[in-house]
Amino acid sequence: MAKTRISISLEQAQAERIRQHAERAGMDVSAYLVHAATRQMAESDAIEEQFAGVDALIARAEREAGELPDEPADTTAGLTEQERREVEEALDLVRGRDRQGHRPGHAA
């Protein structure tokens, strides 16, 4: 297999550390860098494979969220005024607001 040369630029201190590590590993710098990059690629591939299912679920949820209407339908039509207030108070709690409409931990 033909070899390809890749040129990289790095700080002198980084280059020296790489040389030292390569020497301790019994490798030349090129072999050491190829080994490190190959190991990193294998790790990245394994992580991507492990999370592929979660990524697919997220993508599906984002697609479905994009298909939702901008404004929800009015579902309070059949409620009494008291029930509407209770629903609004519950929604404020979900949104992180107290009974005065302030968000806990935020300036009023």
Protein backbone atom coordinates (compact mmCIF):
# COMPACT_ATOMS: atom_id res chain seq x y z
CA MET A 1 0.00 0.00 0.00
CA ALA A 2 1.37 3.42 -0.96
CA LYS A 3 1.99 5.82 1.89
CA THR A 4 0.80 9.41 1.98
CA ARG A 5 2.61 12.21 3.76
CA ILE A 6 0.60 14.58 5.95
CA SER A 7 2.19 17.74 7.30
CA ILE A 8 1.07 19.17 10.64
CA SER A 9 2.01 22.32 12.52
CA LEU A 10 2.31 22.46 16.28
CA GLU A 11 4.08 24.29 19.04
CA GLN A 12 7.64 23.27 19.85
CA ALA A 13 6.66 22.13 23.34
CA GLN A 14 3.92 19.88 21.92
CA ALA A 15 6.34 18.41 19.39
CA GLU A 16 8.85 17.64 22.13
CA ARG A 17 6.24 15.94 24.30
CA ILE A 18 5.11 13.82 21.34
CA ARG A 19 8.73 12.84 20.62
CA GLN A 20 9.24 11.86 24.27
CA HIS A 21 6.06 9.77 24.37
CA ALA A 22 6.87 8.11 21.07
CA GLU A 23 10.35 7.23 22.34
CA ARG A 24 8.95 5.76 25.58
CA ALA A 25 6.52 3.70 23.47
CA GLY A 26 9.38 2.44 21.32
CA MET A 27 7.97 4.09 18.18
CA ASP A 28 9.04 6.78 15.79
CA VAL A 29 6.91 9.94 15.79
CA SER A 30 5.01 8.97 12.63
CA ALA A 31 4.05 5.55 13.95
CA TYR A 32 3.11 7.04 17.31
CA LEU A 33 0.83 9.68 15.75
CA VAL A 34 -0.80 7.13 13.42
CA HIS A 35 -1.37 4.81 16.39
CA ALA A 36 -2.89 7.65 18.47
CA ALA A 37 -5.13 8.83 15.63
CA THR A 38 -6.28 5.29 14.81
CA ARG A 39 -7.10 4.66 18.45
CA GLN A 40 -9.06 7.92 18.66
CA MET A 41 -11.00 7.10 15.49
CA ALA A 42 -11.91 3.65 16.82
CA GLU A 43 -13.12 5.20 20.07
CA SER A 44 -15.19 7.81 18.20
CA ASP A 45 -16.70 5.13 15.95
CA ALA A 46 -17.64 3.03 18.99
CA ILE A 47 -19.27 6.01 20.72
CA GLU A 48 -21.22 6.94 17.59
CA GLU A 49 -22.39 3.34 17.23
CA GLN A 50 -23.38 3.16 20.89
CA PHE A 51 -25.45 6.34 20.66
CA ALA A 52 -26.88 5.79 17.17
CA GLY A 53 -30.24 4.71 18.61
CA VAL A 54 -30.46 7.76 20.87
CA ASP A 55 -29.43 10.04 18.00
CA ALA A 56 -32.17 8.52 15.84
CA LEU A 57 -34.77 9.11 18.59
CA ILE A 58 -33.67 12.72 18.96
CA ALA A 59 -33.83 13.27 15.19
CA ARG A 60 -37.33 11.77 15.07
CA ALA A 61 -38.50 13.90 18.00
CA GLU A 62 -37.12 17.03 16.35
CA ARG A 63 -38.90 16.18 13.08
CA GLU A 64 -42.16 15.56 14.92
CA ALA A 65 -41.76 18.78 16.91
CA GLY A 66 -41.27 20.67 13.67
CA GLU A 67 -44.63 19.37 12.45
CA LEU A 68 -46.52 20.67 15.50
CA PRO A 69 -48.65 23.78 15.07
CA ASP A 70 -47.11 27.01 16.30
CA GLU A 71 -50.03 27.77 18.58
CA PRO A 72 -51.80 25.05 20.54
CA ALA A 73 -55.54 24.71 20.07
CA ASP A 74 -57.69 26.35 22.72
CA THR A 75 -58.49 23.47 25.03
CA THR A 76 -60.01 25.63 27.76
CA ALA A 77 -63.31 26.36 25.96
CA GLY A 78 -65.33 24.03 28.20
CA LEU A 79 -63.75 25.15 31.49
CA THR A 80 -65.14 27.46 34.11
CA GLU A 81 -63.25 30.67 34.92
CA GLN A 82 -61.96 29.05 38.14
CA GLU A 83 -60.73 26.01 36.23
CA ARG A 84 -58.99 28.28 33.70
CA ARG A 85 -57.17 30.10 36.52
CA GLU A 86 -56.10 26.78 38.02
CA VAL A 87 -54.80 25.57 34.66
CA GLU A 88 -52.89 28.84 34.17
CA GLU A 89 -51.37 28.57 37.66
CA ALA A 90 -50.31 24.98 36.96
CA LEU A 91 -48.76 26.02 33.64
CA ASP A 92 -46.91 28.87 35.35
CA LEU A 93 -45.41 26.35 37.77
CA VAL A 94 -44.36 24.16 34.85
CA ARG A 95 -42.83 27.20 33.17
CA GLY A 96 -40.96 28.01 36.38
CA ARG A 97 -43.05 30.96 37.58
CA ASP A 98 -44.51 31.48 41.04
CA ARG A 99 -48.03 32.76 41.79
CA GLN A 100 -46.90 36.37 41.24
CA GLY A 101 -45.51 35.49 37.80
CA HIS A 102 -41.88 35.69 38.87
CA ARG A 103 -39.28 33.08 38.04
CA PRO A 104 -37.60 31.80 41.23
CA GLY A 105 -34.00 32.98 41.43
CA HIS A 106 -34.58 35.81 38.94
CA ALA A 107 -35.04 39.51 39.61
CA ALA A 108 -38.64 40.66 39.37
